[in-house]
Amino acid sequence: MNNNIKDTTDKLVYGHEGWLEDYIFHYHAGDSIMTMLKWGHNMECDGLPRTEELTFKAFAPDGTAGEVEIKDTGKEYLDLTAETDQEGIYIFSTQYDNCYAEYPNDKWKKGTKKDNPDAISVDRYVQSATGCIVVGHSHNTDVFDAPLLTSLLPVNPEFVVGHELTFVLKTDGKPQACDDITLIYKGDSDKKETKLSTGADGILKITPEEPGVYVILARYVLDGDSDDYDKIHYTATHCFRVKEHEGHDH
């Protein structure tokens, strides 16, 4: 990570998270695809995470998992690049999974209960960020159900103003209820936040009314079934760009 950009990885215990923001490019099969990893809170950048503590994958439309190249830009985002060999919807993903121990006076240490037997509490923090990249002109809008610890993925999306979008929140592949979901819209000059929730089916439906960049951010806490930690704090984000109307670039 660039030494000029502050390391704010550990701020995730206070609510920092990552999101993947796309470039306005058009791709064909065989092209390299790109996205930006940003880090902060509610689409406000604040430093960058330690990339060696995250895992990165790009999933092809058929579910094949590919490697991701990470490039330091010298700014508050990282470039992620993957290769393609198919048309359809690719998924970029990042995952974070670590335990943190809380001590008096707002002190925190990484590690499990075994590492920190004198801590007030020890919890596990699991985060994933996803973003979809459309490759080619295929009419296949299926999105692979990526096997992530937590995921918030769209179903057959058309990222166009006025089109209803369906997302499903899952934990280890199973639908997840959540009453702390924020839809964040960032246009050219304004930012809006809307509170949403899912039921036991994990389904979330939204209809974007303005073009621009959106992030859906879900946070939930579950009891942990482990001697290493007490609870699991999950954060899932999905970032997408909505166009004014459907159209193809060449």
C-alpha atoms as a PDB file:
ATOM      1  CA  MET A   1       0.000   0.000   0.000  1.00  0.00           C
ATOM      2  CA  ASN A   2       1.189   3.519  -0.785  1.00  0.00           C
ATOM      3  CA  ASN A   3       2.875   5.032   2.251  1.00  0.00           C
ATOM      4  CA  ASN A   4       1.176   8.349   1.525  1.00  0.00           C
ATOM      5  CA  ILE A   5      -2.270   6.828   2.118  1.00  0.00           C
ATOM      6  CA  LYS A   6      -3.141   6.071   5.731  1.00  0.00           C
ATOM      7  CA  ASP A   7      -3.847   2.507   6.810  1.00  0.00           C
ATOM      8  CA  THR A   8      -7.387   2.486   8.223  1.00  0.00           C
ATOM      9  CA  THR A   9      -8.008  -1.279   8.102  1.00  0.00           C
ATOM     10  CA  ASP A  10      -8.681  -1.567  11.820  1.00  0.00           C
ATOM     11  CA  LYS A  11     -11.358   1.126  11.711  1.00  0.00           C
ATOM     12  CA  LEU A  12     -13.692  -1.622  10.522  1.00  0.00           C
ATOM     13  CA  VAL A  13     -14.457  -2.242  14.204  1.00  0.00           C
ATOM     14  CA  TYR A  14     -16.091   1.223  14.166  1.00  0.00           C
ATOM     15  CA  GLY A  15     -17.879   0.748  10.853  1.00  0.00           C
ATOM     16  CA  HIS A  16     -15.423   1.138   7.971  1.00  0.00           C
ATOM     17  CA  GLU A  17     -16.005  -1.012   4.906  1.00  0.00           C
ATOM     18  CA  GLY A  18     -14.912  -1.456   1.322  1.00  0.00           C
ATOM     19  CA  TRP A  19     -16.874  -1.078  -1.918  1.00  0.00           C
ATOM     20  CA  LEU A  20     -16.050  -1.753  -5.560  1.00  0.00           C
ATOM     21  CA  GLU A  21     -16.755   1.104  -7.945  1.00  0.00           C
ATOM     22  CA  ASP A  22     -16.594   0.441 -11.677  1.00  0.00           C
ATOM     23  CA  TYR A  23     -15.067   2.448 -14.496  1.00  0.00           C
ATOM     24  CA  ILE A  24     -17.267   3.620 -17.377  1.00  0.00           C
ATOM     25  CA  PHE A  25     -15.748   1.218 -19.876  1.00  0.00           C
ATOM     26  CA  HIS A  26     -17.271  -1.236 -22.329  1.00  0.00           C
ATOM     27  CA  TYR A  27     -15.701  -4.687 -22.556  1.00  0.00           C
ATOM     28  CA  HIS A  28     -15.667  -7.658 -24.909  1.00  0.00           C
ATOM     29  CA  ALA A  29     -14.629 -11.239 -24.154  1.00  0.00           C
ATOM     30  CA  GLY A  30     -10.845 -11.395 -24.031  1.00  0.00           C
ATOM     31  CA  ASP A  31     -10.505  -7.903 -22.579  1.00  0.00           C
ATOM     32  CA  SER A  32      -9.071  -7.157 -19.151  1.00  0.00           C
ATOM     33  CA  ILE A  33     -11.787  -5.785 -16.868  1.00  0.00           C
ATOM     34  CA  MET A  34     -11.227  -3.261 -14.082  1.00  0.00           C
ATOM     35  CA  THR A  35     -12.816  -1.900 -10.946  1.00  0.00           C
ATOM     36  CA  MET A  36     -11.757   0.347  -8.049  1.00  0.00           C
ATOM     37  CA  LEU A  37     -11.561  -0.773  -4.431  1.00  0.00           C
ATOM     38  CA  LYS A  38     -12.449   2.127  -2.167  1.00  0.00           C
ATOM     39  CA  TRP A  39     -12.452   2.084   1.627  1.00  0.00           C
ATOM     40  CA  GLY A  40     -14.111   4.248   4.241  1.00  0.00           C
ATOM     41  CA  HIS A  41     -17.673   4.652   5.452  1.00  0.00           C
ATOM     42  CA  ASN A  42     -20.921   5.151   3.538  1.00  0.00           C
ATOM     43  CA  MET A  43     -19.121   6.050   0.290  1.00  0.00           C
ATOM     44  CA  GLU A  44     -16.808   8.546   1.984  1.00  0.00           C
ATOM     45  CA  CYS A  45     -13.207   7.461   1.380  1.00  0.00           C
ATOM     46  CA  ASP A  46     -10.857   7.244   4.354  1.00  0.00           C
ATOM     47  CA  GLY A  47      -7.488   5.612   3.736  1.00  0.00           C
ATOM     48  CA  LEU A  48      -7.068   2.059   2.461  1.00  0.00           C
ATOM     49  CA  PRO A  49      -7.021  -1.451   3.936  1.00  0.00           C
ATOM     50  CA  ARG A  50      -4.063  -3.813   4.121  1.00  0.00           C
ATOM     51  CA  THR A  51      -4.545  -5.803   0.933  1.00  0.00           C
ATOM     52  CA  GLU A  52      -2.601  -8.780   2.284  1.00  0.00           C
ATOM     53  CA  GLU A  53      -5.457  -9.317   4.759  1.00  0.00           C
ATOM     54  CA  LEU A  54      -8.124  -9.445   2.050  1.00  0.00           C
ATOM     55  CA  THR A  55      -8.869 -12.120  -0.518  1.00  0.00           C
ATOM     56  CA  PHE A  56      -9.711 -11.146  -4.090  1.00  0.00           C
ATOM     57  CA  LYS A  57     -11.577 -13.162  -6.730  1.00  0.00           C
ATOM     58  CA  ALA A  58     -13.240 -12.492 -10.074  1.00  0.00           C
ATOM     59  CA  PHE A  59     -16.053 -14.896 -10.966  1.00  0.00           C
ATOM     60  CA  ALA A  60     -16.906 -15.516 -14.607  1.00  0.00           C
ATOM     61  CA  PRO A  61     -20.532 -15.971 -15.730  1.00  0.00           C
ATOM     62  CA  ASP A  62     -20.087 -19.766 -15.566  1.00  0.00           C
ATOM     63  CA  GLY A  63     -18.740 -19.541 -12.002  1.00  0.00           C
ATOM     64  CA  THR A  64     -15.062 -19.996 -12.809  1.00  0.00           C
ATOM     65  CA  ALA A  65     -12.985 -18.144 -10.191  1.00  0.00           C
ATOM     66  CA  GLY A  66     -10.108 -16.105 -11.587  1.00  0.00           C
ATOM     67  CA  GLU A  67      -7.223 -14.215 -10.045  1.00  0.00           C
ATOM     68  CA  VAL A  68      -7.264 -10.465  -9.502  1.00  0.00           C
ATOM     69  CA  GLU A  69      -4.302  -8.150  -9.984  1.00  0.00           C
ATOM     70  CA  ILE A  70      -4.064  -5.317  -7.451  1.00  0.00           C
ATOM     71  CA  LYS A  71      -2.416  -2.043  -8.411  1.00  0.00           C
ATOM     72  CA  ASP A  72      -1.572   0.874  -6.141  1.00  0.00           C
ATOM     73  CA  THR A  73      -2.726   4.150  -7.727  1.00  0.00           C
ATOM     74  CA  GLY A  74      -1.176   6.528  -5.210  1.00  0.00           C
ATOM     75  CA  LYS A  75      -4.705   7.738  -4.427  1.00  0.00           C
ATOM     76  CA  GLU A  76      -7.485   6.598  -2.100  1.00  0.00           C
ATOM     77  CA  TYR A  77      -8.444   3.673  -4.285  1.00  0.00           C
ATOM     78  CA  LEU A  78      -6.805   0.543  -5.674  1.00  0.00           C
ATOM     79  CA  ASP A  79      -7.191  -0.694  -9.241  1.00  0.00           C
ATOM     80  CA  LEU A  80      -8.328  -4.301  -9.532  1.00  0.00           C
ATOM     81  CA  THR A  81      -7.906  -6.097 -12.879  1.00  0.00           C
ATOM     82  CA  ALA A  82      -9.037  -9.529 -14.080  1.00  0.00           C
ATOM     83  CA  GLU A  83      -8.995 -11.374 -17.393  1.00  0.00           C
ATOM     84  CA  THR A  84     -12.080 -12.508 -19.324  1.00  0.00           C
ATOM     85  CA  ASP A  85     -12.873 -15.266 -21.807  1.00  0.00           C
ATOM     86  CA  GLN A  86     -16.689 -15.157 -21.795  1.00  0.00           C
ATOM     87  CA  GLU A  87     -19.576 -12.775 -22.412  1.00  0.00           C
ATOM     88  CA  GLY A  88     -22.014 -12.067 -19.616  1.00  0.00           C
ATOM     89  CA  ILE A  89     -21.768 -10.692 -16.094  1.00  0.00           C
ATOM     90  CA  TYR A  90     -18.503 -11.004 -14.165  1.00  0.00           C
ATOM     91  CA  ILE A  91     -18.300 -10.447 -10.412  1.00  0.00           C
ATOM     92  CA  PHE A  92     -15.364  -8.789  -8.695  1.00  0.00           C
ATOM     93  CA  SER A  93     -15.190  -9.667  -4.992  1.00  0.00           C
ATOM     94  CA  THR A  94     -13.108  -8.898  -1.936  1.00  0.00           C
ATOM     95  CA  GLN A  95     -13.386 -10.590   1.455  1.00  0.00           C
ATOM     96  CA  TYR A  96     -12.040  -9.767   4.914  1.00  0.00           C
ATOM     97  CA  ASP A  97     -12.187 -12.178   7.874  1.00  0.00           C
ATOM     98  CA  ASN A  98     -10.394 -11.553  11.176  1.00  0.00           C
ATOM     99  CA  CYS A  99     -11.014 -11.515  14.910  1.00  0.00           C
ATOM    100  CA  TYR A 100     -10.550  -8.450  17.103  1.00  0.00           C
ATOM    101  CA  ALA A 101     -10.359  -8.274  20.895  1.00  0.00           C
ATOM    102  CA  GLU A 102     -11.739  -5.286  22.796  1.00  0.00           C
ATOM    103  CA  TYR A 103      -9.934  -3.892  25.853  1.00  0.00           C
ATOM    104  CA  PRO A 104     -10.746  -1.000  28.228  1.00  0.00           C
ATOM    105  CA  ASN A 105     -10.318   2.598  27.036  1.00  0.00           C
ATOM    106  CA  ASP A 106     -11.304   1.707  23.479  1.00  0.00           C
ATOM    107  CA  LYS A 107      -8.238  -0.424  22.820  1.00  0.00           C
ATOM    108  CA  TRP A 108      -8.335  -3.238  20.259  1.00  0.00           C
ATOM    109  CA  LYS A 109      -6.041  -6.108  19.335  1.00  0.00           C
ATOM    110  CA  LYS A 110      -6.272  -8.570  16.479  1.00  0.00           C
ATOM    111  CA  GLY A 111      -6.608 -12.197  17.456  1.00  0.00           C
ATOM    112  CA  THR A 112      -8.887 -14.805  18.995  1.00  0.00           C
ATOM    113  CA  LYS A 113      -9.853 -15.543  22.610  1.00  0.00           C
ATOM    114  CA  LYS A 114      -6.836 -17.824  22.870  1.00  0.00           C
ATOM    115  CA  ASP A 115      -4.612 -14.904  21.840  1.00  0.00           C
ATOM    116  CA  ASN A 116      -6.394 -12.452  24.137  1.00  0.00           C
ATOM    117  CA  PRO A 117      -7.727 -14.291  27.227  1.00  0.00           C
ATOM    118  CA  ASP A 118      -8.001 -11.062  29.236  1.00  0.00           C
ATOM    119  CA  ALA A 119     -10.089  -9.125  26.688  1.00  0.00           C
ATOM    120  CA  ILE A 120     -13.543  -7.686  27.436  1.00  0.00           C
ATOM    121  CA  SER A 121     -14.862  -9.500  24.382  1.00  0.00           C
ATOM    122  CA  VAL A 122     -13.574 -11.012  21.160  1.00  0.00           C
ATOM    123  CA  ASP A 123     -15.619 -10.845  17.978  1.00  0.00           C
ATOM    124  CA  ARG A 124     -15.086 -11.909  14.389  1.00  0.00           C
ATOM    125  CA  TYR A 125     -15.436  -9.350  11.591  1.00  0.00           C
ATOM    126  CA  VAL A 126     -16.451 -10.620   8.172  1.00  0.00           C
ATOM    127  CA  GLN A 127     -16.794  -8.271   5.227  1.00  0.00           C
ATOM    128  CA  SER A 128     -17.298  -8.715   1.517  1.00  0.00           C
ATOM    129  CA  ALA A 129     -17.638  -6.256  -1.331  1.00  0.00           C
ATOM    130  CA  THR A 130     -18.938  -7.175  -4.773  1.00  0.00           C
ATOM    131  CA  GLY A 131     -19.439  -5.439  -8.092  1.00  0.00           C
ATOM    132  CA  CYS A 132     -20.758  -6.628 -11.451  1.00  0.00           C
ATOM    133  CA  ILE A 133     -19.044  -5.992 -14.775  1.00  0.00           C
ATOM    134  CA  VAL A 134     -20.948  -6.596 -18.022  1.00  0.00           C
ATOM    135  CA  VAL A 135     -18.799  -8.077 -20.789  1.00  0.00           C
ATOM    136  CA  GLY A 136     -19.972  -8.096 -24.396  1.00  0.00           C
ATOM    137  CA  HIS A 137     -23.533  -7.916 -25.726  1.00  0.00           C
ATOM    138  CA  SER A 138     -24.844 -11.200 -24.402  1.00  0.00           C
ATOM    139  CA  HIS A 139     -28.508 -11.322 -23.393  1.00  0.00           C
ATOM    140  CA  ASN A 140     -27.492 -13.550 -20.499  1.00  0.00           C
ATOM    141  CA  THR A 141     -28.019 -11.456 -17.361  1.00  0.00           C
ATOM    142  CA  ASP A 142     -27.565 -14.337 -14.914  1.00  0.00           C
ATOM    143  CA  VAL A 143     -25.315 -13.487 -11.963  1.00  0.00           C
ATOM    144  CA  PHE A 144     -23.282 -16.357 -10.511  1.00  0.00           C
ATOM    145  CA  ASP A 145     -24.162 -17.080  -6.884  1.00  0.00           C
ATOM    146  CA  ALA A 146     -20.615 -16.525  -5.667  1.00  0.00           C
ATOM    147  CA  PRO A 147     -19.635 -18.648  -2.619  1.00  0.00           C
ATOM    148  CA  LEU A 148     -18.808 -15.814  -0.226  1.00  0.00           C
ATOM    149  CA  LEU A 149     -19.052 -15.647   3.560  1.00  0.00           C
ATOM    150  CA  THR A 150     -21.602 -12.868   3.138  1.00  0.00           C
ATOM    151  CA  SER A 151     -22.948 -11.585  -0.156  1.00  0.00           C
ATOM    152  CA  LEU A 152     -25.403  -9.055  -1.534  1.00  0.00           C
ATOM    153  CA  LEU A 153     -25.802  -9.910  -5.209  1.00  0.00           C
ATOM    154  CA  PRO A 154     -28.313  -8.869  -7.864  1.00  0.00           C
ATOM    155  CA  VAL A 155     -30.595 -11.233  -9.762  1.00  0.00           C
ATOM    156  CA  ASN A 156     -30.741 -10.726 -13.577  1.00  0.00           C
ATOM    157  CA  PRO A 157     -29.995  -7.016 -13.273  1.00  0.00           C
ATOM    158  CA  GLU A 158     -30.631  -4.174 -15.697  1.00  0.00           C
ATOM    159  CA  PHE A 159     -28.907  -1.169 -14.190  1.00  0.00           C
ATOM    160  CA  VAL A 160     -31.203   1.373 -15.820  1.00  0.00           C
ATOM    161  CA  VAL A 161     -33.346   4.168 -14.344  1.00  0.00           C
ATOM    162  CA  GLY A 162     -36.881   2.956 -13.718  1.00  0.00           C
ATOM    163  CA  HIS A 163     -36.048  -0.776 -13.797  1.00  0.00           C
ATOM    164  CA  GLU A 164     -36.721  -2.696 -10.608  1.00  0.00           C
ATOM    165  CA  LEU A 165     -33.627  -4.427  -9.257  1.00  0.00           C
ATOM    166  CA  THR A 166     -33.700  -7.498  -7.036  1.00  0.00           C
ATOM    167  CA  PHE A 167     -30.832  -8.322  -4.659  1.00  0.00           C
ATOM    168  CA  VAL A 168     -30.423 -11.232  -2.256  1.00  0.00           C
ATOM    169  CA  LEU A 169     -28.487 -11.014   1.000  1.00  0.00           C
ATOM    170  CA  LYS A 170     -26.902 -14.309   2.035  1.00  0.00           C
ATOM    171  CA  THR A 171     -24.715 -15.710   4.813  1.00  0.00           C
ATOM    172  CA  ASP A 172     -22.651 -18.705   3.683  1.00  0.00           C
ATOM    173  CA  GLY A 173     -25.046 -19.149   0.773  1.00  0.00           C
ATOM    174  CA  LYS A 174     -28.261 -19.005   2.839  1.00  0.00           C
ATOM    175  CA  PRO A 175     -30.793 -16.126   2.701  1.00  0.00           C
ATOM    176  CA  GLN A 176     -30.311 -13.626   5.509  1.00  0.00           C
ATOM    177  CA  ALA A 177     -32.776 -11.306   7.226  1.00  0.00           C
ATOM    178  CA  CYS A 178     -31.333  -7.878   8.028  1.00  0.00           C
ATOM    179  CA  ASP A 179     -32.938  -4.694   9.330  1.00  0.00           C
ATOM    180  CA  ASP A 180     -29.841  -2.496   8.934  1.00  0.00           C
ATOM    181  CA  ILE A 181     -29.425  -1.904   5.212  1.00  0.00           C
ATOM    182  CA  THR A 182     -28.498   1.453   3.716  1.00  0.00           C
ATOM    183  CA  LEU A 183     -28.967   2.373   0.060  1.00  0.00           C
ATOM    184  CA  ILE A 184     -26.561   5.201  -0.762  1.00  0.00           C
ATOM    185  CA  TYR A 185     -26.902   7.223  -3.954  1.00  0.00           C
ATOM    186  CA  LYS A 186     -24.140   9.489  -5.179  1.00  0.00           C
ATOM    187  CA  GLY A 187     -24.930  11.759  -8.116  1.00  0.00           C
ATOM    188  CA  ASP A 188     -22.898  14.565  -9.623  1.00  0.00           C
ATOM    189  CA  SER A 189     -23.693  16.989  -6.832  1.00  0.00           C
ATOM    190  CA  ASP A 190     -25.652  15.196  -4.117  1.00  0.00           C
ATOM    191  CA  LYS A 191     -25.732  12.138  -1.911  1.00  0.00           C
ATOM    192  CA  LYS A 192     -28.798  10.411  -0.500  1.00  0.00           C
ATOM    193  CA  GLU A 193     -29.195   7.628   2.041  1.00  0.00           C
ATOM    194  CA  THR A 194     -32.270   5.407   2.416  1.00  0.00           C
ATOM    195  CA  LYS A 195     -32.819   2.803   5.136  1.00  0.00           C
ATOM    196  CA  LEU A 196     -34.067  -0.604   3.985  1.00  0.00           C
ATOM    197  CA  SER A 197     -34.415  -4.156   5.327  1.00  0.00           C
ATOM    198  CA  THR A 198     -34.866  -7.757   4.180  1.00  0.00           C
ATOM    199  CA  GLY A 199     -37.056 -10.528   5.509  1.00  0.00           C
ATOM    200  CA  ALA A 200     -36.117 -14.151   6.044  1.00  0.00           C
ATOM    201  CA  ASP A 201     -35.908 -14.650   2.271  1.00  0.00           C
ATOM    202  CA  GLY A 202     -33.054 -12.117   2.091  1.00  0.00           C
ATOM    203  CA  ILE A 203     -34.705 -10.376  -0.863  1.00  0.00           C
ATOM    204  CA  LEU A 204     -34.353  -6.644  -1.415  1.00  0.00           C
ATOM    205  CA  LYS A 205     -36.104  -4.803  -4.267  1.00  0.00           C
ATOM    206  CA  ILE A 206     -35.285  -1.252  -5.343  1.00  0.00           C
ATOM    207  CA  THR A 207     -36.102   0.917  -8.362  1.00  0.00           C
ATOM    208  CA  PRO A 208     -33.423   3.563  -9.047  1.00  0.00           C
ATOM    209  CA  GLU A 209     -34.956   6.875 -10.068  1.00  0.00           C
ATOM    210  CA  GLU A 210     -31.764   8.735 -10.956  1.00  0.00           C
ATOM    211  CA  PRO A 211     -28.617   7.851 -12.885  1.00  0.00           C
ATOM    212  CA  GLY A 212     -25.405   7.631 -10.888  1.00  0.00           C
ATOM    213  CA  VAL A 213     -23.478   5.378  -8.529  1.00  0.00           C
ATOM    214  CA  TYR A 214     -25.228   3.430  -5.779  1.00  0.00           C
ATOM    215  CA  VAL A 215     -24.005   1.295  -2.896  1.00  0.00           C
ATOM    216  CA  ILE A 216     -26.148  -1.104  -0.916  1.00  0.00           C
ATOM    217  CA  LEU A 217     -24.638  -1.719   2.513  1.00  0.00           C
ATOM    218  CA  ALA A 218     -25.914  -4.437   4.858  1.00  0.00           C
ATOM    219  CA  ARG A 219     -24.745  -4.875   8.454  1.00  0.00           C
ATOM    220  CA  TYR A 220     -25.806  -7.629  10.830  1.00  0.00           C
ATOM    221  CA  VAL A 221     -24.468  -9.500  13.854  1.00  0.00           C
ATOM    222  CA  LEU A 222     -24.874 -13.229  14.524  1.00  0.00           C
ATOM    223  CA  ASP A 223     -23.839 -15.380  17.458  1.00  0.00           C
ATOM    224  CA  GLY A 224     -20.638 -17.285  16.803  1.00  0.00           C
ATOM    225  CA  ASP A 225     -20.403 -21.033  17.195  1.00  0.00           C
ATOM    226  CA  SER A 226     -16.746 -21.076  18.166  1.00  0.00           C
ATOM    227  CA  ASP A 227     -14.409 -21.054  21.145  1.00  0.00           C
ATOM    228  CA  ASP A 228     -12.382 -18.373  19.351  1.00  0.00           C
ATOM    229  CA  TYR A 229     -14.937 -15.528  19.433  1.00  0.00           C
ATOM    230  CA  ASP A 230     -18.379 -14.504  20.711  1.00  0.00           C
ATOM    231  CA  LYS A 231     -20.201 -12.842  17.827  1.00  0.00           C
ATOM    232  CA  ILE A 232     -19.729 -12.328  14.090  1.00  0.00           C
ATOM    233  CA  HIS A 233     -20.127  -8.828  12.658  1.00  0.00           C
ATOM    234  CA  TYR A 234     -21.050  -9.114   8.987  1.00  0.00           C
ATOM    235  CA  THR A 235     -20.845  -6.337   6.393  1.00  0.00           C
ATOM    236  CA  ALA A 236     -21.778  -6.831   2.747  1.00  0.00           C
ATOM    237  CA  THR A 237     -21.641  -4.134   0.077  1.00  0.00           C
ATOM    238  CA  HIS A 238     -22.618  -4.067  -3.574  1.00  0.00           C
ATOM    239  CA  CYS A 239     -21.835  -1.040  -5.724  1.00  0.00           C
ATOM    240  CA  PHE A 240     -23.476  -0.445  -9.105  1.00  0.00           C
ATOM    241  CA  ARG A 241     -23.827   2.293 -11.703  1.00  0.00           C
ATOM    242  CA  VAL A 242     -27.268   3.152 -13.085  1.00  0.00           C
ATOM    243  CA  LYS A 243     -27.664   4.542 -16.613  1.00  0.00           C
ATOM    244  CA  GLU A 244     -30.366   6.870 -17.878  1.00  0.00           C
ATOM    245  CA  HIS A 245     -31.483   4.337 -20.485  1.00  0.00           C
ATOM    246  CA  GLU A 246     -30.409   1.024 -21.988  1.00  0.00           C
ATOM    247  CA  GLY A 247     -27.790   1.377 -24.688  1.00  0.00           C
ATOM    248  CA  HIS A 248     -24.644  -0.251 -26.012  1.00  0.00           C
ATOM    249  CA  ASP A 249     -21.240   1.244 -26.518  1.00  0.00           C
ATOM    250  CA  HIS A 250     -18.843  -0.351 -28.991  1.00  0.00           C
END
